[in-house]
Each structure stands twice: as structure tokens, then as C-alpha cells.
Amino acid sequence: MGPVFINPGGPGGSGVWFVKHLGPYYQSVVGKNHDIISFDPRGVGASTPRITCWEDMQDSKIWNFKDVDVLDAHPGSVYDAYAHAAASSQQCASTLQPSTESDLGVGSFVSTASVARDMLEIMTKVGEEKLKYWGFSYGTYLGATFAAMYPDKVARMVNDGNVDAVEYSAGRAIHFIQDADTIMAAFYHFCRVAGQELCAFHMDAEKDIEARLQQLLEKIRKNPVVVPGSSSPSGRPQIVSYSKVQRMIGSTLYRPLVMFPALANALAALEKGDGTVFLELATQKFDDPLLCENRCGAQDGGDPIDPTPETPEAEGSEDGGTTILCSDGGWMNDTVDEFAAYVDELMIRSKSVGAIMAEMRLECVHWSVQAKWKFDGPFEGNTSHPILFIANKADNVTPLRSAQANAKGFPNSVILVQNGYGHTSLSAPSKCTAKTIRAYFQGGILPAPETVCEPDLTPFEPYNVTSSIAESCGDHELDVALFELMKAPVVGAGA
């Protein structure tokens, strides 16, 4: 039945990496009579020329190794972070700007509009007249852009975990974190329900778990936990600071099923002054999705074509992702005081991650590399076949609200709500959702409006993929596929 194109998100995610490692699992969902195709967008992964803001990768690693506090960590943190981001933007401009008047520079050609045109070209080259597509997170913005630019070329499109296209392209998103505190509340709720055996941070009341966490954060803000070199995975002394713990908490909201139990263990150990459990979680041993300090080197030094231990495969490109994000959203020219007001606004919308997620806008402060071609909408069109939008009941960065906003521009499209927590449908495996996606790709069948799918698991519940063998071989295969996709890395975050 032809290919289904995949975009894993970001921006900056390597489609090549995700298809090489997860292609059979995507195929188990859409149907094995479909091929799976993805690609590295301009400036990312195996695409050449690659986007890098540093001529020497060692310099990049040293710069990214510098800890920058979360914006609410201490008085003045926002000013230091603003200056750090401005310096990063200047560094990128120096390497991405044109060297001559006739050379526009690689940074001028990496907008999502250009990538949508590339996807049309790839589709045509493999002999397809219309696109079948499943995009996640930022990939939904690519999908909405393609559908708006080429509505008559859409055969099937699943936009899963939706970025608000209008807010993203305007570069000043504020609504994207409105569900984050709901997921944080789910940590307190399901930890209480799970009991001490399954949740190490358990207490008898949810409000007591929340108060316990706040007390721990205030303690670490003043007295970070020191891990001696003899107990550190790196062999060097490590400091577990307020900022590191807050970023870890923020990262767990993307994949509660995978991360909540480990987070509870780390928090309980930190209360006792033991930071080793936290450091183990913060390394690749647990495949944490968003800890930049563990991934930046691999992201921009990796080689997806010829990986080696020194230059391993990379699931994303940080500099490429930043360039795409800032090209799409434009130059962020807020003064430091204007940006501080934006931080305050996001912190009102989300107590748990507002200060962390404001950093996404900070990436583009004083950004001066502009795209030659930028699509600003309108994000609407009468597509050849209606689009299927998917949203979790509570998604920490791509809320149901965004799916509803995007769907308004595309007649007869349908929103499937998954009654789960986390980022995209993959964070909360649901055979109901997976079978709905398969029916859509196989026969163009859309679910009824206001359809809700239940997830197969709740946070802190052990996952046993062998339990479905008794049901059917097909359900067992689907369980395995959903389990592997749930564990997959999260590249960047949509806004």
C-alpha cells in the first residue's frame, strides 16, 4: 500500500535514526503492507551540509558543559541565562551567516517550509502522487505546513501530539504548557495509589507528596547534594543542584510510564543526601529523554552514516534544531526585562515547568540568521483526505488545546483523544489508539468525533508485554511495538 512517512519531532530529530531503530514498530501499527520512510531534514544528521555553530566540536562540548541555572533558581539567574543565550546566537551567526554576498549561507535554507517541499520531492521520487504521513510533536507542525501548502497531496496524515502552528510560527508560545501541572499532579496521585512498594516517594495523601517535594527542592536550592568522585559514574565529583533536579522533573513529564518510578527513587535518595541514584538516572543507562548535558556531544558530533564509538549515531542535532526553530519563529528581540516578564507569565501557567520551558524561547534571543523562505500560514486547507489529529488528555508541551486549534483549519478532520498522560500517544501505549491509526492508514477510516481511547497502563503500573499472548498473536505484537516506541528517545520539544 505504499510508504508512510515518519517525522520523530524536534525540531532537529533524525528521521534516519528513528527508522533504523524503530521502523518495524511503526510498521506494526500502520500495517506491514506499508513501507516506512523517513529522512534527515536539512542541516540534521546525515543531511549535508550539517548545521553546526562551532568549527571545533571540542569547543561545542566545552561550551555546552557549562551549567546554566534554571531561570528561577536564584536571583539574577534569568540575566545570566539571557547573556549565555545571546552569546550562543552570536556564535551561530558567525558560522552560519554568508561568507560572500553571493552566498546566502546554509542557515537561510532550513525552514520548515523548505523541508515540506523536500518531503514532496522525496514522495514524488518514490513514485507516490500523495503523501501518507505520521508526525510527532514538531512533526505535526511539519505536517500542518505540508497540508496547508499542498492540500491536494494529502492521502493520509496523522498529527500526533500537536504543536499550535500559529503560536509556533509567531515565536511566542504561551499556551503550550497548560497541561504540565496536570501531569505533575498525576505523579502525586498515582504515587499515592501505587503504595510504597512501587513508589519510593509514597505518602498517604497527594498534598503531602507535593509538600514533600517542595521541601526537598528548597533544601537542595540552598544545599546541593555533593557526590564524591569515588561514587560518581564519571569518576569526578558531581553536584546535584536545584536546577538539575528541576530539569529532571520536567523531563519525566514527557514519559510518565517510563520515568515516574525512577524519579521517585531518585527523589527519595536525595532526601537522604545520596545523589548517586539521581546521577545514574541522568546518564544514558536509563535513556533519559531531555538531559542536554548527556546528549549535546553526541547530537552534533554523531555520524549516522558511519558511526564509531567516538562519533556515535545521533537521534537529533541540537544546532540544527535551534536553527530550524528560530528560522520558523523569527528573531527574538526581547530585552532582558521583557523576557523576564515572559518567564513570569509561563511560571503562572505552570508551577512545575514554566521556568524550564521558557528556555525554549530563550534559544532564539538576538537570533540573526533568517530563512529565505518562511511559511506563516494560514494553516488551513481542504485536504484530499481528512486529517486525523491525536492528543493525550494531558500532554506537557502539546496539549489538546493545540490539536483543537489546528484542526479548525482543515475541514472534516477528526481529533482522537487518548485518556493518558505524557507527550504524544506513544507515551501512553493504547491498542485502541494504535488500531484506530491502523484503520485510518489501511482504509481511510476516521473515528467518530469525540472518540476517546483508554491507555493500556497507568503510571507506576508494571508493564508485562507477555500478558497479551493469550489474547492473540496480533495483540501481542502490537503490545511489543508500543512498548518499544514508548521507550524511544524524545528529541527536543514542540511548543
Protein backbone atom coordinates (compact mmCIF):
# COMPACT_ATOMS: atom_id res chain seq x y z
CA MET A 1 0.00 0.00 0.00
CA GLY A 2 2.96 2.32 -0.42
CA PRO A 3 5.05 4.22 2.11
CA VAL A 4 4.13 6.03 5.29
CA PHE A 5 6.49 8.92 6.04
CA ILE A 6 7.57 9.47 9.66
CA ASN A 7 8.91 12.57 11.38
CA PRO A 8 10.00 11.98 15.00
CA GLY A 9 9.85 15.62 16.14
CA GLY A 10 12.37 18.10 17.45
CA PRO A 11 12.93 20.22 15.50
CA GLY A 12 16.22 18.54 14.78
CA GLY A 13 15.19 14.89 15.11
CA SER A 14 16.93 12.43 12.81
CA GLY A 15 14.33 10.51 10.85
CA VAL A 16 17.11 8.19 9.69
CA TRP A 17 17.95 7.22 13.29
CA PHE A 18 14.34 6.57 14.23
CA VAL A 19 13.57 4.45 11.17
CA LYS A 20 16.77 2.42 11.55
CA HIS A 21 15.98 1.65 15.19
CA LEU A 22 12.19 1.69 15.32
CA GLY A 23 10.92 1.17 11.77
CA PRO A 24 9.42 -2.30 12.38
CA TYR A 25 7.46 -0.98 15.37
CA TYR A 26 5.93 1.89 13.39
CA GLN A 27 5.10 -0.68 10.73
CA SER A 28 3.36 -2.92 13.29
CA VAL A 29 0.98 -0.05 13.97
CA VAL A 30 0.22 1.19 10.44
CA GLY A 31 0.30 -2.28 8.85
CA LYS A 32 3.08 -4.32 7.30
CA ASN A 33 1.74 -3.70 3.81
CA HIS A 34 3.16 -0.18 4.20
CA ASP A 35 6.82 0.72 3.86
CA ILE A 36 8.21 3.18 6.40
CA ILE A 37 10.23 6.14 5.10
CA SER A 38 11.87 9.00 6.90
CA PHE A 39 14.73 11.39 6.24
CA ASP A 40 17.05 13.79 7.99
CA PRO A 41 15.74 17.33 7.47
CA ARG A 42 18.08 20.00 6.16
CA GLY A 43 21.04 20.54 8.45
CA VAL A 44 20.27 17.46 10.58
CA GLY A 45 22.04 14.10 10.91
CA ALA A 46 23.19 12.72 7.57
CA SER A 47 21.91 15.73 5.64
CA THR A 48 24.72 17.85 4.20
CA PRO A 49 25.87 20.42 4.87
CA ARG A 50 25.16 19.82 8.54
CA ILE A 51 24.26 22.73 10.74
CA THR A 52 26.84 23.36 13.41
CA CYS A 53 27.57 26.56 15.26
CA TRP A 54 31.13 25.50 16.04
CA GLU A 55 34.04 24.78 13.77
CA ASP A 56 35.63 22.65 16.50
CA MET A 57 33.33 20.11 18.19
CA GLN A 58 35.52 20.17 21.29
CA ASP A 59 34.69 23.86 21.70
CA SER A 60 30.99 22.98 21.42
CA LYS A 61 31.29 20.35 24.13
CA ILE A 62 33.13 22.74 26.45
CA TRP A 63 30.53 25.47 25.92
CA ASN A 64 27.59 23.13 26.48
CA PHE A 65 29.27 21.62 29.53
CA LYS A 66 28.79 24.92 31.34
CA ASP A 67 25.82 24.63 33.68
CA VAL A 68 23.19 27.32 33.25
CA ASP A 69 20.74 27.63 36.12
CA VAL A 70 17.01 27.19 35.67
CA LEU A 71 15.58 30.68 35.30
CA ASP A 72 14.02 30.74 38.78
CA ALA A 73 16.92 29.06 40.57
CA HIS A 74 18.40 32.17 42.17
CA PRO A 75 18.05 35.96 41.91
CA GLY A 76 19.77 37.01 38.69
CA SER A 77 19.63 33.57 37.05
CA VAL A 78 17.48 34.92 34.21
CA TYR A 79 20.07 37.60 33.41
CA ASP A 80 22.92 35.10 33.25
CA ALA A 81 20.87 32.75 31.08
CA TYR A 82 19.90 35.58 28.74
CA ALA A 83 23.55 36.57 28.27
CA HIS A 84 24.55 32.94 27.70
CA ALA A 85 21.85 32.53 25.04
CA ALA A 86 22.81 35.78 23.33
CA ALA A 87 26.42 34.60 23.15
CA SER A 88 25.26 31.29 21.64
CA SER A 89 23.22 33.14 19.00
CA GLN A 90 26.20 35.31 18.10
CA GLN A 91 28.37 32.20 17.79
CA CYS A 92 25.84 30.59 15.44
CA ALA A 93 25.58 33.74 13.35
CA SER A 94 29.35 33.82 12.91
CA THR A 95 29.38 30.32 11.40
CA LEU A 96 26.02 30.25 9.60
CA GLN A 97 25.95 33.69 8.00
CA PRO A 98 27.03 34.00 4.35
CA SER A 99 30.73 34.37 3.68
CA THR A 100 30.15 36.38 0.48
CA GLU A 101 27.33 38.46 -0.99
CA SER A 102 26.51 35.67 -3.46
CA ASP A 103 26.45 33.01 -0.73
CA LEU A 104 23.28 33.16 1.37
CA GLY A 105 24.65 30.71 3.93
CA VAL A 106 23.26 27.32 4.91
CA GLY A 107 21.18 28.83 7.72
CA SER A 108 18.98 30.57 5.15
CA PHE A 109 17.59 27.31 3.79
CA VAL A 110 16.44 25.21 6.74
CA SER A 111 12.93 26.47 7.43
CA THR A 112 10.05 24.02 7.79
CA ALA A 113 8.58 25.31 4.53
CA SER A 114 11.72 24.12 2.74
CA VAL A 115 11.53 20.74 4.49
CA ALA A 116 7.89 20.34 3.48
CA ARG A 117 8.93 20.93 -0.13
CA ASP A 118 11.72 18.36 0.31
CA MET A 119 9.18 15.81 1.57
CA LEU A 120 7.05 16.41 -1.51
CA GLU A 121 10.12 15.82 -3.68
CA ILE A 122 11.03 12.57 -1.90
CA MET A 123 7.42 11.38 -2.19
CA THR A 124 7.44 12.10 -5.92
CA LYS A 125 10.80 10.38 -6.43
CA VAL A 126 9.49 7.13 -4.92
CA GLY A 127 6.52 7.19 -7.28
CA GLU A 128 3.76 8.42 -4.98
CA GLU A 129 1.20 11.02 -6.02
CA LYS A 130 0.00 11.76 -2.49
CA LEU A 131 1.53 11.68 0.97
CA LYS A 132 0.84 9.27 3.81
CA TYR A 133 2.36 10.70 6.96
CA TRP A 134 2.61 10.20 10.72
CA GLY A 135 4.28 13.10 12.54
CA PHE A 136 5.02 13.57 16.23
CA SER A 137 5.42 16.82 18.19
CA TYR A 138 7.31 19.25 15.91
CA GLY A 139 6.49 16.74 13.16
CA THR A 140 2.87 17.89 13.45
CA TYR A 141 3.97 21.41 12.54
CA LEU A 142 5.74 19.97 9.50
CA GLY A 143 2.53 18.05 8.73
CA ALA A 144 0.31 21.13 9.10
CA THR A 145 2.71 23.14 6.93
CA PHE A 146 2.67 20.46 4.22
CA ALA A 147 -1.13 20.18 4.37
CA ALA A 148 -1.54 23.95 4.08
CA MET A 149 0.94 24.25 1.22
CA TYR A 150 -0.15 21.14 -0.69
CA PRO A 151 -3.67 20.16 0.46
CA ASP A 152 -4.34 18.18 -2.70
CA LYS A 153 -1.29 15.99 -1.97
CA VAL A 154 -2.53 14.58 1.36
CA ALA A 155 -3.66 10.96 1.17
CA ARG A 156 -3.44 10.23 4.92
CA MET A 157 -2.00 12.38 7.72
CA VAL A 158 -1.79 11.61 11.44
CA ASN A 159 -0.62 14.57 13.52
CA ASP A 160 0.21 13.14 16.95
CA GLY A 161 0.99 15.49 19.87
CA ASN A 162 0.18 18.77 18.19
CA VAL A 163 2.23 21.95 18.16
CA ASP A 164 -0.02 25.01 17.84
CA ALA A 165 1.02 26.06 14.34
CA VAL A 166 0.10 29.72 14.75
CA GLU A 167 1.82 30.15 18.11
CA TYR A 168 4.92 28.27 16.98
CA SER A 169 5.37 30.32 13.81
CA ALA A 170 4.88 33.54 15.80
CA GLY A 171 7.72 32.56 18.15
CA ARG A 172 5.94 33.43 21.39
CA ALA A 173 4.08 30.39 22.61
CA ILE A 174 2.37 30.67 25.99
CA HIS A 175 -0.37 28.02 25.99
CA PHE A 176 1.79 25.01 25.25
CA ILE A 177 2.47 24.11 28.91
CA GLN A 178 -1.07 24.46 30.20
CA ASP A 179 -1.34 20.71 30.91
CA ALA A 180 2.09 20.25 32.51
CA ASP A 181 0.88 20.69 36.08
CA THR A 182 -1.87 18.13 35.43
CA ILE A 183 0.83 15.56 34.70
CA MET A 184 2.75 16.62 37.79
CA ALA A 185 -0.45 16.13 39.79
CA ALA A 186 -0.67 12.66 38.22
CA PHE A 187 2.72 11.88 39.76
CA TYR A 188 1.35 12.68 43.21
CA HIS A 189 -1.90 10.78 42.58
CA PHE A 190 -0.53 7.59 41.11
CA CYS A 191 2.37 7.51 43.57
CA ARG A 192 -0.16 7.52 46.41
CA VAL A 193 -2.26 4.83 44.70
CA ALA A 194 0.78 2.65 43.93
CA GLY A 195 1.95 2.41 47.54
CA GLN A 196 5.43 2.34 49.00
CA GLU A 197 6.44 -0.85 47.19
CA LEU A 198 6.03 0.68 43.74
CA CYS A 199 6.65 4.37 44.56
CA ALA A 200 9.59 5.19 46.81
CA PHE A 201 8.27 8.74 47.34
CA HIS A 202 4.88 7.49 48.59
CA MET A 203 2.77 9.18 51.25
CA ASP A 204 -0.84 8.68 52.26
CA ALA A 205 -2.08 11.98 50.76
CA GLU A 206 -1.28 13.59 47.44
CA LYS A 207 -0.90 17.03 49.00
CA ASP A 208 1.69 15.57 51.37
CA ILE A 209 3.73 14.18 48.44
CA GLU A 210 3.63 17.60 46.79
CA ALA A 211 4.70 19.33 50.01
CA ARG A 212 7.47 16.77 50.49
CA LEU A 213 8.82 17.51 47.00
CA GLN A 214 8.71 21.27 47.52
CA GLN A 215 10.55 20.90 50.80
CA LEU A 216 13.24 18.82 49.09
CA LEU A 217 13.63 21.36 46.28
CA GLU A 218 14.05 24.26 48.71
CA LYS A 219 16.60 22.27 50.67
CA ILE A 220 18.62 21.48 47.54
CA ARG A 221 18.35 25.06 46.30
CA LYS A 222 20.38 26.15 49.34
CA ASN A 223 22.40 22.97 49.89
CA PRO A 224 23.01 20.98 46.69
CA VAL A 225 23.93 17.32 47.17
CA VAL A 226 27.61 16.57 46.61
CA VAL A 227 28.56 13.20 45.14
CA PRO A 228 32.25 12.37 45.61
CA GLY A 229 34.27 11.19 42.64
CA SER A 230 34.51 7.70 44.12
CA SER A 231 30.70 7.35 43.83
CA SER A 232 30.18 9.25 40.58
CA PRO A 233 29.72 7.41 37.24
CA SER A 234 32.23 9.83 35.68
CA GLY A 235 34.83 9.36 38.41
CA ARG A 236 34.68 13.13 39.10
CA PRO A 237 32.85 14.87 41.92
CA GLN A 238 29.35 15.88 40.94
CA ILE A 239 26.89 18.40 42.34
CA VAL A 240 23.17 17.66 42.21
CA SER A 241 21.71 21.16 42.16
CA TYR A 242 18.20 22.58 42.26
CA SER A 243 18.41 23.27 38.53
CA LYS A 244 19.41 19.71 37.68
CA VAL A 245 16.60 18.27 39.75
CA GLN A 246 14.04 20.64 38.25
CA ARG A 247 15.17 19.74 34.72
CA MET A 248 14.94 16.06 35.59
CA ILE A 249 11.40 16.52 36.89
CA GLY A 250 10.49 18.39 33.71
CA SER A 251 11.90 15.63 31.53
CA THR A 252 9.89 12.92 33.30
CA LEU A 253 6.63 14.59 32.30
CA TYR A 254 7.27 13.55 28.70
CA ARG A 255 7.13 9.84 29.54
CA PRO A 256 5.47 9.21 32.92
CA LEU A 257 5.18 5.45 32.46
CA VAL A 258 8.89 5.09 31.83
CA MET A 259 10.22 7.79 34.14
CA PHE A 260 7.97 8.23 37.20
CA PRO A 261 9.19 5.18 39.16
CA ALA A 262 12.84 6.11 38.59
CA LEU A 263 12.16 9.73 39.54
CA ALA A 264 10.56 8.62 42.81
CA ASN A 265 13.63 6.51 43.62
CA ALA A 266 15.98 9.42 42.87
CA LEU A 267 13.99 11.89 44.98
CA ALA A 268 13.82 9.52 47.95
CA ALA A 269 17.59 9.01 47.79
CA LEU A 270 18.26 12.76 47.55
CA GLU A 271 16.30 13.29 50.76
CA LYS A 272 18.91 11.11 52.46
CA GLY A 273 21.78 13.05 50.90
CA ASP A 274 22.50 10.32 48.33
CA GLY A 275 22.86 11.72 44.80
CA THR A 276 24.15 8.55 43.13
CA VAL A 277 20.66 7.31 42.18
CA PHE A 278 19.94 10.67 40.55
CA LEU A 279 23.23 10.56 38.61
CA GLU A 280 22.50 7.04 37.39
CA LEU A 281 19.15 8.26 36.12
CA ALA A 282 20.83 11.26 34.49
CA THR A 283 23.12 9.06 32.39
CA GLN A 284 22.32 7.06 29.31
CA LYS A 285 21.74 3.98 31.45
CA PHE A 286 18.08 4.94 31.69
CA ASP A 287 17.87 6.70 28.34
CA ASP A 288 16.52 9.89 29.83
CA PRO A 289 14.96 11.93 27.02
CA LEU A 290 16.00 15.52 27.57
CA LEU A 291 19.15 15.88 29.64
CA CYS A 292 21.13 18.09 27.32
CA GLU A 293 24.39 17.69 29.19
CA ASN A 294 24.42 13.99 28.30
CA ARG A 295 23.37 14.36 24.70
CA CYS A 296 24.79 17.52 23.19
CA GLY A 297 28.13 15.98 22.26
CA ALA A 298 26.54 13.02 20.52
CA GLN A 299 23.92 15.17 18.81
CA ASP A 300 26.34 17.39 16.97
CA GLY A 301 29.32 15.07 16.81
CA GLY A 302 27.48 11.91 15.80
CA ASP A 303 27.76 10.28 12.41
CA PRO A 304 24.59 8.39 11.37
CA ILE A 305 26.23 7.05 8.20
CA ASP A 306 29.43 5.65 9.69
CA PRO A 307 29.06 5.60 13.48
CA THR A 308 32.04 4.86 15.69
CA PRO A 309 32.47 4.91 19.48
CA GLU A 310 33.94 8.40 19.13
CA THR A 311 31.16 9.66 16.82
CA PRO A 312 28.10 7.52 17.54
CA GLU A 313 24.75 7.66 15.83
CA ALA A 314 22.72 10.64 16.94
CA GLU A 315 18.95 10.79 17.25
CA GLY A 316 18.98 14.56 16.88
CA SER A 317 21.06 17.62 16.05
CA GLU A 318 20.91 20.40 18.62
CA ASP A 319 22.33 23.19 16.47
CA GLY A 320 20.20 22.10 13.52
CA GLY A 321 17.11 22.06 15.71
CA THR A 322 17.82 25.54 17.10
CA THR A 323 18.35 26.94 13.60
CA ILE A 324 15.04 25.48 12.38
CA LEU A 325 13.18 26.67 15.48
CA CYS A 326 14.50 30.21 15.24
CA SER A 327 14.09 30.39 11.46
CA ASP A 328 10.43 29.38 11.79
CA GLY A 329 9.66 31.62 14.76
CA GLY A 330 11.75 34.61 13.79
CA TRP A 331 14.26 36.74 15.63
CA MET A 332 13.56 37.04 19.37
CA ASN A 333 14.48 40.65 20.11
CA ASP A 334 13.03 40.97 23.63
CA THR A 335 15.10 42.95 26.07
CA VAL A 336 16.14 41.02 29.15
CA ASP A 337 13.36 42.66 31.15
CA GLU A 338 10.76 41.79 28.51
CA PHE A 339 12.00 38.23 28.50
CA ALA A 340 11.84 38.13 32.31
CA ALA A 341 8.17 39.15 32.07
CA TYR A 342 7.61 36.26 29.64
CA VAL A 343 9.22 33.89 32.15
CA ASP A 344 6.87 35.18 34.85
CA GLU A 345 3.90 34.57 32.56
CA LEU A 346 4.90 30.97 31.90
CA MET A 347 5.55 30.33 35.59
CA ILE A 348 1.98 31.44 36.31
CA ARG A 349 0.72 28.95 33.71
CA SER A 350 2.82 26.10 35.09
CA LYS A 351 4.38 25.98 38.52
CA SER A 352 6.26 22.77 37.70
CA VAL A 353 7.93 23.60 34.36
CA GLY A 354 7.23 27.25 33.49
CA ALA A 355 10.77 28.41 34.22
CA ILE A 356 12.25 25.45 32.36
CA MET A 357 10.15 25.69 29.22
CA ALA A 358 10.73 29.45 28.90
CA GLU A 359 14.25 28.43 27.87
CA MET A 360 12.87 27.31 24.50
CA ARG A 361 12.16 30.91 23.56
CA LEU A 362 15.49 31.94 25.03
CA GLU A 363 17.28 29.83 22.39
CA CYS A 364 16.38 32.47 19.80
CA VAL A 365 17.42 35.62 21.69
CA HIS A 366 19.10 38.02 19.27
CA TRP A 367 18.98 35.34 16.57
CA SER A 368 20.02 36.96 13.30
CA VAL A 369 20.05 34.07 10.78
CA GLN A 370 16.87 34.42 8.74
CA ALA A 371 15.28 31.87 6.42
CA LYS A 372 14.97 32.80 2.78
CA TRP A 373 11.57 31.09 2.63
CA LYS A 374 9.23 31.00 5.62
CA PHE A 375 5.60 29.88 5.61
CA ASP A 376 3.48 31.92 8.03
CA GLY A 377 0.11 30.41 7.16
CA PRO A 378 -2.76 30.42 7.06
CA PHE A 379 -2.57 26.85 8.34
CA GLU A 380 -5.67 25.61 6.62
CA GLY A 381 -6.73 23.71 3.53
CA ASN A 382 -9.27 21.31 2.09
CA THR A 383 -7.05 18.22 2.03
CA SER A 384 -7.67 15.30 -0.31
CA HIS A 385 -8.47 13.16 2.73
CA PRO A 386 -9.34 14.46 6.22
CA ILE A 387 -6.52 14.61 8.78
CA LEU A 388 -6.50 12.55 11.99
CA PHE A 389 -5.31 14.60 14.96
CA ILE A 390 -4.31 12.78 18.16
CA ALA A 391 -3.87 14.30 21.61
CA ASN A 392 -3.41 12.98 25.11
CA LYS A 393 -5.81 14.21 27.76
CA ALA A 394 -2.77 15.80 29.38
CA ASP A 395 0.36 16.49 27.31
CA ASN A 396 3.08 18.60 28.91
CA VAL A 397 4.10 20.53 25.76
CA THR A 398 1.50 19.79 23.06
CA PRO A 399 -1.88 20.00 24.79
CA LEU A 400 -5.29 19.01 23.46
CA ARG A 401 -5.94 22.71 23.01
CA SER A 402 -3.33 22.81 20.23
CA ALA A 403 -4.92 19.92 18.34
CA GLN A 404 -8.27 21.69 18.54
CA ALA A 405 -6.74 24.93 17.23
CA ASN A 406 -5.01 23.19 14.32
CA ALA A 407 -8.00 21.05 13.36
CA LYS A 408 -10.18 24.13 12.79
CA GLY A 409 -8.27 24.90 9.60
CA PHE A 410 -8.80 21.51 7.96
CA PRO A 411 -12.41 20.59 7.13
CA ASN A 412 -13.76 17.18 8.22
CA SER A 413 -10.66 16.39 10.26
CA VAL A 414 -11.19 14.44 13.49
CA ILE A 415 -9.47 14.62 16.89
CA LEU A 416 -8.89 11.36 18.74
CA VAL A 417 -8.35 11.97 22.46
CA GLN A 418 -6.25 9.45 24.36
CA ASN A 419 -7.08 9.43 28.06
CA GLY A 420 -3.42 9.31 29.07
CA TYR A 421 -0.55 11.40 30.36
CA GLY A 422 2.65 12.42 28.58
CA HIS A 423 3.92 13.64 25.23
CA THR A 424 2.27 12.15 22.11
CA SER A 425 0.25 8.94 22.05
CA LEU A 426 3.47 6.91 22.25
CA SER A 427 3.99 7.93 25.89
CA ALA A 428 0.88 6.03 26.99
CA PRO A 429 0.52 2.82 24.94
CA SER A 430 -3.04 2.14 23.84
CA LYS A 431 -4.08 -0.64 21.50
CA CYS A 432 -7.30 1.29 20.98
CA THR A 433 -5.34 4.25 19.58
CA ALA A 434 -2.98 2.02 17.60
CA LYS A 435 -5.84 0.12 15.95
CA THR A 436 -7.55 3.41 15.12
CA ILE A 437 -4.36 4.63 13.42
CA ARG A 438 -4.09 1.34 11.51
CA ALA A 439 -7.70 1.53 10.32
CA TYR A 440 -7.06 5.07 9.13
CA PHE A 441 -3.98 4.14 7.09
CA GLN A 442 -5.45 0.89 5.80
CA GLY A 443 -8.88 2.10 4.76
CA GLY A 444 -9.06 5.84 5.40
CA ILE A 445 -11.48 5.21 8.26
CA LEU A 446 -11.75 8.07 10.73
CA PRO A 447 -13.00 7.57 14.29
CA ALA A 448 -16.28 9.14 15.27
CA PRO A 449 -15.98 12.69 16.62
CA GLU A 450 -15.24 12.87 20.35
CA THR A 451 -13.86 9.32 20.39
CA VAL A 452 -11.73 8.65 23.47
CA CYS A 453 -9.23 5.80 23.74
CA GLU A 454 -8.08 4.48 27.10
CA PRO A 455 -4.37 3.72 27.66
CA ASP A 456 -3.38 0.16 28.47
CA LEU A 457 -1.39 1.23 31.55
CA THR A 458 -1.32 3.77 34.34
CA PRO A 459 1.84 5.33 35.85
CA PHE A 460 3.75 3.10 38.32
CA GLU A 461 1.96 0.02 36.96
CA PRO A 462 4.45 -2.69 35.89
CA TYR A 463 4.37 -3.36 32.15
CA ASN A 464 4.29 -7.01 31.09
CA VAL A 465 4.37 -7.47 27.33
CA THR A 466 3.92 -11.24 27.63
CA SER A 467 0.46 -10.90 29.18
CA SER A 468 -1.23 -10.39 25.82
CA ILE A 469 -0.03 -13.64 24.22
CA ALA A 470 -3.17 -15.35 25.45
CA GLU A 471 -5.31 -12.73 23.70
CA SER A 472 -3.89 -13.05 20.19
CA CYS A 473 -0.58 -13.06 18.40
CA GLY A 474 -1.56 -9.78 16.72
CA ASP A 475 -2.25 -8.03 20.01
CA HIS A 476 0.98 -9.35 21.46
CA GLU A 477 2.96 -7.99 18.51
CA LEU A 478 1.21 -4.65 18.91
CA ASP A 479 1.98 -4.61 22.65
CA VAL A 480 5.67 -5.19 21.95
CA ALA A 481 5.73 -2.45 19.30
CA LEU A 482 4.01 0.07 21.56
CA PHE A 483 6.33 -0.80 24.43
CA GLU A 484 9.42 -0.18 22.30
CA LEU A 485 8.02 3.07 20.90
CA MET A 486 7.18 4.22 24.44
CA LYS A 487 10.84 3.75 25.43
CA ALA A 488 12.18 5.67 22.42
CA PRO A 489 14.11 8.92 22.99
CA VAL A 490 12.22 12.20 22.95
CA VAL A 491 14.04 14.68 20.70
CA GLY A 492 13.53 18.28 21.66
CA ALA A 493 10.03 19.54 22.40
CA GLY A 494 7.36 21.24 20.43
CA ALA A 495 5.84 24.46 21.65
